């Protein structure tokens, strides 16, 4: 079984996991944003803004990951939109946004909250989940970008360039 077979199987699985956990993160961030907008019970404006940025990042990830999966299924080895370069650009931006989002939420919570002992944050468990899923998304995007970089380097060494396909 060649590496191309692994890529053809692993691409939808990896992006499927990114989409799945992105939807979970999107739901958490959207729920928190809705609560903050209606009840105005956020601890500070930075808490509200960091949750909103996480909402934007998860929306970006779910939308563009879904688009990449559909395009990959449609033409896995022939389209510019499924090339190594397009994956690197999308995953690079996503990685930067997930790094910023996860780090911002982690910094806001001081590394995580013990919900049994704190009474400052209104939505303690949801914020802990937001932090955890943000780091999980960061991990998945990091894995995907490493694989794409390895495939891109091997394609460039073959002489295909970075505009070539992943398979």
N, C-alpha and C. Protein backbone atom coordinates (compact mmCIF):
# COMPACT_ATOMS: atom_id res chain seq x y z
N UNK A 1 0.85 -1.17 0.00
CA UNK A 1 0.00 0.00 0.00
C UNK A 1 0.90 1.24 0.00
N UNK A 2 0.77 2.06 -1.02
CA UNK A 2 1.61 3.23 -1.17
C UNK A 2 1.12 4.41 -0.35
N UNK A 3 1.96 5.42 -0.33
CA UNK A 3 1.64 6.63 0.43
C UNK A 3 0.41 7.33 -0.16
N UNK A 4 0.23 7.21 -1.49
CA UNK A 4 -0.94 7.83 -2.11
C UNK A 4 -2.24 7.27 -1.57
N UNK A 5 -2.26 5.97 -1.31
CA UNK A 5 -3.46 5.35 -0.74
C UNK A 5 -3.73 5.87 0.66
N UNK A 6 -2.66 6.04 1.43
CA UNK A 6 -2.82 6.58 2.78
C UNK A 6 -3.35 8.01 2.75
N UNK A 7 -2.86 8.79 1.80
CA UNK A 7 -3.33 10.17 1.69
C UNK A 7 -4.79 10.20 1.27
N UNK A 8 -5.16 9.35 0.31
CA UNK A 8 -6.56 9.32 -0.14
C UNK A 8 -7.51 8.90 0.99
N UNK A 9 -7.05 8.02 1.86
CA UNK A 9 -7.89 7.61 3.00
C UNK A 9 -7.80 8.60 4.16
N UNK A 10 -6.60 9.08 4.43
CA UNK A 10 -6.38 9.93 5.59
C UNK A 10 -6.88 11.36 5.44
N UNK A 11 -6.89 11.87 4.21
CA UNK A 11 -7.33 13.26 3.99
C UNK A 11 -8.77 13.47 4.46
N UNK A 12 -9.73 12.64 4.00
CA UNK A 12 -11.11 12.85 4.47
C UNK A 12 -11.27 12.59 5.97
N UNK A 13 -10.49 11.66 6.51
CA UNK A 13 -10.58 11.37 7.95
C UNK A 13 -10.07 12.56 8.75
N UNK A 14 -8.89 13.06 8.37
CA UNK A 14 -8.30 14.20 9.10
C UNK A 14 -9.19 15.43 9.00
N UNK A 15 -9.61 15.76 7.79
CA UNK A 15 -10.46 16.94 7.64
C UNK A 15 -11.85 16.71 8.23
N UNK A 16 -12.32 15.47 8.22
CA UNK A 16 -13.59 15.16 8.88
C UNK A 16 -13.51 15.42 10.38
N UNK A 17 -12.38 15.04 10.99
CA UNK A 17 -12.20 15.32 12.43
C UNK A 17 -12.08 16.82 12.68
N UNK A 18 -11.37 17.52 11.80
CA UNK A 18 -11.27 18.98 11.94
C UNK A 18 -12.66 19.61 11.85
N UNK A 19 -13.47 19.13 10.92
CA UNK A 19 -14.83 19.67 10.77
C UNK A 19 -15.68 19.31 11.99
N UNK A 20 -15.63 18.06 12.43
CA UNK A 20 -16.43 17.62 13.57
C UNK A 20 -16.13 18.45 14.82
N UNK A 21 -14.86 18.54 15.18
CA UNK A 21 -14.51 19.30 16.38
C UNK A 21 -14.66 20.80 16.16
N UNK A 22 -14.57 21.25 14.91
CA UNK A 22 -14.86 22.65 14.60
C UNK A 22 -16.32 22.98 14.82
N UNK A 23 -17.20 22.03 14.48
CA UNK A 23 -18.64 22.24 14.72
C UNK A 23 -18.93 22.29 16.22
N UNK A 24 -18.27 21.42 16.98
CA UNK A 24 -18.45 21.44 18.43
C UNK A 24 -17.97 22.77 19.00
N UNK A 25 -16.80 23.22 18.56
CA UNK A 25 -16.26 24.50 19.01
C UNK A 25 -17.16 25.65 18.58
N UNK A 26 -17.68 25.58 17.37
CA UNK A 26 -18.59 26.60 16.86
C UNK A 26 -19.84 26.67 17.73
N UNK A 27 -20.39 25.51 18.09
CA UNK A 27 -21.59 25.48 18.93
C UNK A 27 -21.32 26.09 20.30
N UNK A 28 -20.19 25.72 20.90
CA UNK A 28 -19.84 26.29 22.22
C UNK A 28 -19.68 27.80 22.14
N UNK A 29 -18.91 28.26 21.16
CA UNK A 29 -18.65 29.70 21.03
C UNK A 29 -19.92 30.46 20.68
N UNK A 30 -20.76 29.88 19.83
CA UNK A 30 -22.01 30.55 19.46
C UNK A 30 -22.94 30.64 20.66
N UNK A 31 -23.02 29.58 21.45
CA UNK A 31 -23.88 29.59 22.63
C UNK A 31 -23.39 30.65 23.63
N UNK A 32 -22.07 30.67 23.88
CA UNK A 32 -21.52 31.67 24.80
C UNK A 32 -21.73 33.08 24.27
N UNK A 33 -21.53 33.28 22.98
CA UNK A 33 -21.75 34.60 22.39
C UNK A 33 -23.21 35.03 22.53
N UNK A 34 -24.12 34.11 22.30
CA UNK A 34 -25.55 34.42 22.45
C UNK A 34 -25.87 34.80 23.89
N UNK A 35 -25.33 34.04 24.84
CA UNK A 35 -25.57 34.36 26.26
C UNK A 35 -24.99 35.72 26.61
N UNK A 36 -23.77 36.00 26.15
CA UNK A 36 -23.15 37.28 26.45
C UNK A 36 -23.93 38.43 25.80
N UNK A 37 -24.45 38.21 24.62
CA UNK A 37 -25.19 39.27 23.92
C UNK A 37 -26.54 39.56 24.58
N UNK A 38 -27.19 38.52 25.09
CA UNK A 38 -28.52 38.75 25.68
C UNK A 38 -28.46 39.13 27.15
N UNK A 39 -27.57 38.49 27.91
CA UNK A 39 -27.53 38.73 29.36
C UNK A 39 -26.44 39.69 29.80
N UNK A 40 -25.49 39.96 28.93
CA UNK A 40 -24.37 40.86 29.25
C UNK A 40 -23.69 40.46 30.56
N UNK A 41 -23.48 39.17 30.75
CA UNK A 41 -22.87 38.70 32.00
C UNK A 41 -21.45 38.18 31.80
N UNK A 42 -20.78 38.67 30.76
CA UNK A 42 -19.37 38.33 30.60
C UNK A 42 -18.56 39.06 31.66
N UNK A 43 -17.45 38.48 32.04
CA UNK A 43 -16.62 39.07 33.09
C UNK A 43 -15.97 40.36 32.62
N UNK A 44 -15.58 40.39 31.34
CA UNK A 44 -14.95 41.59 30.78
C UNK A 44 -15.17 41.59 29.27
N UNK A 45 -14.83 42.70 28.66
CA UNK A 45 -14.95 42.78 27.21
C UNK A 45 -13.95 41.86 26.53
N UNK A 46 -12.80 41.61 27.15
CA UNK A 46 -11.84 40.70 26.55
C UNK A 46 -12.37 39.27 26.53
N UNK A 47 -13.12 38.89 27.55
CA UNK A 47 -13.74 37.56 27.54
C UNK A 47 -14.71 37.44 26.37
N UNK A 48 -15.53 38.44 26.21
CA UNK A 48 -16.49 38.45 25.10
C UNK A 48 -15.78 38.41 23.76
N UNK A 49 -14.75 39.23 23.60
CA UNK A 49 -14.04 39.31 22.32
C UNK A 49 -13.28 38.03 22.00
N UNK A 50 -12.71 37.39 22.99
CA UNK A 50 -11.98 36.14 22.76
C UNK A 50 -12.92 35.02 22.37
N UNK A 51 -14.10 34.99 22.96
CA UNK A 51 -15.09 33.99 22.57
C UNK A 51 -15.57 34.27 21.15
N UNK A 52 -15.75 35.53 20.81
CA UNK A 52 -16.17 35.87 19.45
C UNK A 52 -15.10 35.52 18.43
N UNK A 53 -13.83 35.72 18.77
CA UNK A 53 -12.76 35.34 17.86
C UNK A 53 -12.72 33.82 17.67
N UNK A 54 -12.97 33.09 18.73
CA UNK A 54 -13.04 31.63 18.62
C UNK A 54 -14.23 31.23 17.74
N UNK A 55 -15.32 31.95 17.85
CA UNK A 55 -16.48 31.70 16.97
C UNK A 55 -16.10 31.93 15.51
N UNK A 56 -15.41 33.02 15.23
CA UNK A 56 -14.97 33.30 13.87
C UNK A 56 -14.01 32.22 13.37
N UNK A 57 -13.05 31.83 14.20
CA UNK A 57 -12.07 30.84 13.79
C UNK A 57 -12.72 29.49 13.51
N UNK A 58 -13.65 29.09 14.34
CA UNK A 58 -14.32 27.81 14.11
C UNK A 58 -15.21 27.87 12.87
N UNK A 59 -15.86 29.00 12.62
CA UNK A 59 -16.67 29.15 11.42
C UNK A 59 -15.78 29.09 10.18
N UNK A 60 -14.67 29.79 10.21
CA UNK A 60 -13.69 29.76 9.11
C UNK A 60 -13.24 28.32 8.85
N UNK A 61 -12.90 27.62 9.89
CA UNK A 61 -12.37 26.26 9.76
C UNK A 61 -13.41 25.30 9.21
N UNK A 62 -14.61 25.34 9.73
CA UNK A 62 -15.65 24.43 9.27
C UNK A 62 -15.99 24.71 7.81
N UNK A 63 -16.14 25.95 7.45
CA UNK A 63 -16.50 26.29 6.07
C UNK A 63 -15.42 25.86 5.08
N UNK A 64 -14.19 26.30 5.31
CA UNK A 64 -13.14 26.02 4.34
C UNK A 64 -12.68 24.56 4.38
N UNK A 65 -12.74 23.91 5.51
CA UNK A 65 -12.41 22.49 5.55
C UNK A 65 -13.45 21.69 4.78
N UNK A 66 -14.70 22.04 4.91
CA UNK A 66 -15.75 21.37 4.14
C UNK A 66 -15.55 21.59 2.65
N UNK A 67 -15.20 22.80 2.26
CA UNK A 67 -14.93 23.10 0.86
C UNK A 67 -13.76 22.27 0.34
N UNK A 68 -12.69 22.17 1.11
CA UNK A 68 -11.52 21.41 0.68
C UNK A 68 -11.85 19.92 0.57
N UNK A 69 -12.64 19.39 1.49
CA UNK A 69 -13.02 17.97 1.41
C UNK A 69 -13.85 17.71 0.16
N UNK A 70 -14.81 18.57 -0.11
CA UNK A 70 -15.64 18.39 -1.31
C UNK A 70 -14.79 18.48 -2.57
N UNK A 71 -13.90 19.45 -2.63
CA UNK A 71 -13.03 19.58 -3.80
C UNK A 71 -12.08 18.40 -3.93
N UNK A 72 -11.59 17.87 -2.81
CA UNK A 72 -10.69 16.73 -2.84
C UNK A 72 -11.42 15.49 -3.34
N UNK A 73 -12.67 15.31 -2.93
CA UNK A 73 -13.45 14.17 -3.43
C UNK A 73 -13.74 14.33 -4.92
N UNK A 74 -14.00 15.57 -5.33
CA UNK A 74 -14.34 15.82 -6.72
C UNK A 74 -13.15 15.57 -7.65
N UNK A 75 -12.00 16.11 -7.30
CA UNK A 75 -10.81 15.93 -8.14
C UNK A 75 -9.56 15.89 -7.27
N UNK A 76 -9.23 14.71 -6.71
CA UNK A 76 -8.13 14.62 -5.78
C UNK A 76 -6.76 14.90 -6.37
N UNK A 77 -6.58 14.73 -7.67
CA UNK A 77 -5.24 14.91 -8.21
C UNK A 77 -5.19 15.82 -9.43
N UNK A 78 -6.17 16.68 -9.60
CA UNK A 78 -6.12 17.49 -10.80
C UNK A 78 -6.41 18.96 -10.64
N UNK A 79 -6.83 19.41 -9.50
CA UNK A 79 -7.29 20.79 -9.35
C UNK A 79 -6.27 21.65 -8.62
N UNK A 80 -6.21 22.91 -9.02
CA UNK A 80 -5.37 23.87 -8.30
C UNK A 80 -5.89 24.08 -6.89
N UNK A 81 -7.22 23.95 -6.72
CA UNK A 81 -7.83 24.17 -5.41
C UNK A 81 -7.55 23.04 -4.42
N UNK A 82 -7.07 21.90 -4.91
CA UNK A 82 -6.70 20.80 -4.01
C UNK A 82 -5.19 20.57 -4.00
N UNK A 83 -4.43 21.54 -4.48
CA UNK A 83 -2.99 21.39 -4.56
C UNK A 83 -2.35 21.52 -3.18
N UNK A 84 -1.08 21.18 -3.14
CA UNK A 84 -0.32 21.32 -1.90
C UNK A 84 -0.29 22.78 -1.47
N UNK A 85 -0.10 23.67 -2.41
CA UNK A 85 -0.03 25.10 -2.08
C UNK A 85 -1.34 25.61 -1.47
N UNK A 86 -2.47 25.22 -2.04
CA UNK A 86 -3.75 25.69 -1.48
C UNK A 86 -3.96 25.13 -0.07
N UNK A 87 -3.55 23.89 0.15
CA UNK A 87 -3.64 23.32 1.50
C UNK A 87 -2.73 24.05 2.48
N UNK A 88 -1.52 24.37 2.05
CA UNK A 88 -0.59 25.06 2.93
C UNK A 88 -1.12 26.44 3.29
N UNK A 89 -1.67 27.15 2.31
CA UNK A 89 -2.21 28.50 2.58
C UNK A 89 -3.38 28.41 3.56
N UNK A 90 -4.35 27.54 3.28
CA UNK A 90 -5.50 27.41 4.18
C UNK A 90 -5.07 26.95 5.57
N UNK A 91 -4.28 25.89 5.64
CA UNK A 91 -3.87 25.36 6.93
C UNK A 91 -2.96 26.32 7.68
N UNK A 92 -2.15 27.09 6.95
CA UNK A 92 -1.29 28.08 7.60
C UNK A 92 -2.11 29.17 8.30
N UNK A 93 -3.10 29.72 7.58
CA UNK A 93 -3.98 30.71 8.20
C UNK A 93 -4.77 30.11 9.36
N UNK A 94 -5.26 28.90 9.15
CA UNK A 94 -6.03 28.24 10.21
C UNK A 94 -5.17 27.99 11.43
N UNK A 95 -3.94 27.56 11.20
CA UNK A 95 -3.04 27.28 12.32
C UNK A 95 -2.77 28.56 13.11
N UNK A 96 -2.52 29.65 12.42
CA UNK A 96 -2.29 30.92 13.11
C UNK A 96 -3.51 31.34 13.93
N UNK A 97 -4.69 31.20 13.35
CA UNK A 97 -5.90 31.62 14.06
C UNK A 97 -6.19 30.70 15.24
N UNK A 98 -5.97 29.38 15.09
CA UNK A 98 -6.21 28.47 16.22
C UNK A 98 -5.18 28.68 17.31
N UNK A 99 -3.94 28.99 16.93
CA UNK A 99 -2.93 29.29 17.94
C UNK A 99 -3.34 30.52 18.74
N UNK A 100 -3.75 31.57 18.04
CA UNK A 100 -4.17 32.79 18.72
C UNK A 100 -5.41 32.56 19.56
N UNK A 101 -6.37 31.84 19.02
CA UNK A 101 -7.63 31.61 19.72
C UNK A 101 -7.42 30.76 20.97
N UNK A 102 -6.73 29.65 20.82
CA UNK A 102 -6.51 28.77 21.97
C UNK A 102 -5.65 29.44 23.03
N UNK A 103 -4.63 30.16 22.60
CA UNK A 103 -3.76 30.84 23.56
C UNK A 103 -4.51 31.97 24.27
N UNK A 104 -5.36 32.69 23.55
CA UNK A 104 -6.11 33.78 24.16
C UNK A 104 -7.09 33.26 25.21
N UNK A 105 -7.79 32.18 24.88
CA UNK A 105 -8.74 31.61 25.84
C UNK A 105 -7.99 31.03 27.04
N UNK A 106 -6.86 30.37 26.78
CA UNK A 106 -6.06 29.81 27.88
C UNK A 106 -5.55 30.91 28.80
N UNK A 107 -5.07 32.00 28.20
CA UNK A 107 -4.57 33.12 29.01
C UNK A 107 -5.70 33.75 29.81
N UNK A 108 -6.86 33.85 29.21
CA UNK A 108 -8.02 34.44 29.89
C UNK A 108 -8.41 33.60 31.11
N UNK A 109 -8.34 32.28 30.97
CA UNK A 109 -8.75 31.39 32.05
C UNK A 109 -7.60 31.05 33.00
N UNK A 110 -6.42 31.53 32.70
CA UNK A 110 -5.27 31.22 33.55
C UNK A 110 -4.85 29.76 33.43
N UNK A 111 -5.06 29.17 32.27
CA UNK A 111 -4.67 27.79 32.06
C UNK A 111 -5.78 26.79 32.30
N UNK A 112 -6.91 27.24 32.70
CA UNK A 112 -8.04 26.36 32.98
C UNK A 112 -8.66 26.73 34.31
N UNK A 113 -9.90 26.37 34.48
CA UNK A 113 -10.63 26.75 35.69
C UNK A 113 -11.02 25.51 36.47
N UNK A 114 -10.96 25.62 37.77
CA UNK A 114 -11.54 24.61 38.64
C UNK A 114 -12.93 25.12 39.00
N UNK A 115 -13.91 24.55 38.37
CA UNK A 115 -15.28 25.07 38.50
C UNK A 115 -15.87 24.87 39.90
N UNK A 116 -15.28 24.00 40.69
CA UNK A 116 -15.78 23.78 42.06
C UNK A 116 -15.34 24.89 43.01
N UNK A 117 -14.23 25.56 42.68
CA UNK A 117 -13.69 26.53 43.63
C UNK A 117 -13.81 27.97 43.16
N UNK A 118 -14.17 28.21 41.92
CA UNK A 118 -14.21 29.59 41.43
C UNK A 118 -15.66 30.06 41.32
N UNK A 119 -15.85 31.36 41.44
CA UNK A 119 -17.18 31.94 41.26
C UNK A 119 -17.12 33.23 40.45
N UNK A 120 -16.03 33.42 39.70
CA UNK A 120 -15.85 34.62 38.90
C UNK A 120 -16.51 34.46 37.54
N UNK A 121 -16.28 33.32 36.91
CA UNK A 121 -16.82 33.08 35.57
C UNK A 121 -18.20 32.44 35.67
N UNK A 122 -19.14 32.97 34.91
CA UNK A 122 -20.51 32.48 34.96
C UNK A 122 -20.63 31.12 34.28
N UNK A 123 -19.93 30.94 33.16
CA UNK A 123 -20.04 29.72 32.36
C UNK A 123 -18.72 28.96 32.42
N UNK A 124 -18.37 28.50 33.58
CA UNK A 124 -17.07 27.88 33.82
C UNK A 124 -16.86 26.62 32.98
N UNK A 125 -17.79 25.69 33.04
CA UNK A 125 -17.63 24.44 32.29
C UNK A 125 -17.58 24.67 30.79
N UNK A 126 -18.39 25.57 30.29
CA UNK A 126 -18.41 25.85 28.86
C UNK A 126 -17.10 26.51 28.42
N UNK A 127 -16.55 27.38 29.25
CA UNK A 127 -15.28 28.02 28.92
C UNK A 127 -14.13 27.01 28.95
N UNK A 128 -14.17 26.08 29.90
CA UNK A 128 -13.16 25.01 29.92
C UNK A 128 -13.25 24.15 28.66
N UNK A 129 -14.47 23.84 28.26
CA UNK A 129 -14.66 23.05 27.03
C UNK A 129 -14.19 23.84 25.81
N UNK A 130 -14.47 25.13 25.78
CA UNK A 130 -14.02 25.99 24.69
C UNK A 130 -12.50 25.94 24.57
N UNK A 131 -11.82 26.03 25.70
CA UNK A 131 -10.36 25.97 25.71
C UNK A 131 -9.86 24.60 25.23
N UNK A 132 -10.44 23.54 25.74
CA UNK A 132 -10.00 22.20 25.37
C UNK A 132 -10.19 21.90 23.90
N UNK A 133 -11.35 22.24 23.36
CA UNK A 133 -11.60 21.98 21.94
C UNK A 133 -10.78 22.89 21.05
N UNK A 134 -10.46 24.10 21.52
CA UNK A 134 -9.57 24.97 20.74
C UNK A 134 -8.19 24.35 20.61
N UNK A 135 -7.68 23.78 21.70
CA UNK A 135 -6.37 23.13 21.62
C UNK A 135 -6.44 21.85 20.81
N UNK A 136 -7.55 21.15 20.85
CA UNK A 136 -7.71 19.95 20.02
C UNK A 136 -7.71 20.33 18.54
N UNK A 137 -8.41 21.39 18.18
CA UNK A 137 -8.40 21.87 16.80
C UNK A 137 -6.99 22.28 16.39
N UNK A 138 -6.29 22.96 17.28
CA UNK A 138 -4.91 23.36 16.99
C UNK A 138 -4.04 22.13 16.71
N UNK A 139 -4.22 21.09 17.50
CA UNK A 139 -3.45 19.86 17.32
C UNK A 139 -3.77 19.19 15.99
N UNK A 140 -5.04 19.11 15.62
CA UNK A 140 -5.43 18.51 14.35
C UNK A 140 -4.90 19.31 13.16
N UNK A 141 -5.00 20.62 13.22
CA UNK A 141 -4.50 21.46 12.13
C UNK A 141 -2.98 21.37 12.05
N UNK A 142 -2.30 21.29 13.20
CA UNK A 142 -0.85 21.12 13.20
C UNK A 142 -0.47 19.80 12.53
N UNK A 143 -1.16 18.72 12.86
CA UNK A 143 -0.91 17.44 12.23
C UNK A 143 -1.11 17.53 10.72
N UNK A 144 -2.20 18.14 10.30
CA UNK A 144 -2.51 18.24 8.87
C UNK A 144 -1.46 19.06 8.14
N UNK A 145 -1.03 20.16 8.73
CA UNK A 145 -0.05 21.01 8.04
C UNK A 145 1.31 20.31 7.96
N UNK A 146 1.67 19.53 8.96
CA UNK A 146 2.93 18.79 8.90
C UNK A 146 2.88 17.76 7.77
N UNK A 147 1.78 17.04 7.67
CA UNK A 147 1.63 16.04 6.60
C UNK A 147 1.67 16.72 5.23
N UNK A 148 0.98 17.84 5.07
CA UNK A 148 0.97 18.55 3.80
C UNK A 148 2.37 19.08 3.47
N UNK A 149 3.09 19.58 4.46
CA UNK A 149 4.45 20.05 4.22
C UNK A 149 5.37 18.90 3.78
N UNK A 150 5.24 17.76 4.42
CA UNK A 150 6.05 16.60 4.04
C UNK A 150 5.72 16.18 2.61
N UNK A 151 4.42 16.13 2.29
CA UNK A 151 4.02 15.77 0.91
C UNK A 151 4.47 16.83 -0.08
N UNK A 152 4.44 18.09 0.30
CA UNK A 152 4.89 19.16 -0.58
C UNK A 152 6.38 19.09 -0.85
N UNK A 153 7.15 18.80 0.17
CA UNK A 153 8.60 18.68 0.00
C UNK A 153 8.92 17.49 -0.90
N UNK A 154 8.21 16.38 -0.70
CA UNK A 154 8.46 15.22 -1.56
C UNK A 154 8.02 15.49 -3.00
N UNK A 155 6.94 16.25 -3.18
CA UNK A 155 6.50 16.61 -4.54
C UNK A 155 7.52 17.53 -5.21
N UNK A 156 8.07 18.47 -4.45
CA UNK A 156 9.07 19.37 -5.01
C UNK A 156 10.34 18.61 -5.38
N UNK A 157 10.71 17.65 -4.57
CA UNK A 157 11.90 16.84 -4.89
C UNK A 157 11.68 15.96 -6.11
N UNK A 158 10.43 15.54 -6.33
CA UNK A 158 10.10 14.76 -7.53
C UNK A 158 10.10 15.63 -8.77
N UNK A 159 10.00 16.94 -8.58
CA UNK A 159 9.94 17.85 -9.70
C UNK A 159 8.54 18.33 -10.04
N UNK A 160 7.56 17.99 -9.20
CA UNK A 160 6.18 18.41 -9.45
C UNK A 160 5.90 19.83 -9.00
N UNK A 161 6.72 20.38 -8.13
CA UNK A 161 6.48 21.71 -7.58
C UNK A 161 5.43 21.68 -6.50
N UNK A 162 5.18 22.84 -5.90
CA UNK A 162 4.20 22.92 -4.81
C UNK A 162 2.77 23.06 -5.32
N UNK A 163 2.62 23.25 -6.60
CA UNK A 163 1.28 23.32 -7.17
C UNK A 163 0.71 21.94 -7.48
N UNK A 164 1.50 20.91 -7.23
CA UNK A 164 1.07 19.55 -7.51
C UNK A 164 0.05 19.05 -6.51
N UNK A 165 -0.45 17.85 -6.77
CA UNK A 165 -1.47 17.28 -5.91
C UNK A 165 -0.85 16.62 -4.69
N UNK A 166 -1.69 16.37 -3.70
CA UNK A 166 -1.23 15.68 -2.49
C UNK A 166 -0.98 14.20 -2.73
N UNK A 167 -1.64 13.64 -3.74
CA UNK A 167 -1.50 12.19 -4.02
C UNK A 167 -0.67 11.95 -5.25
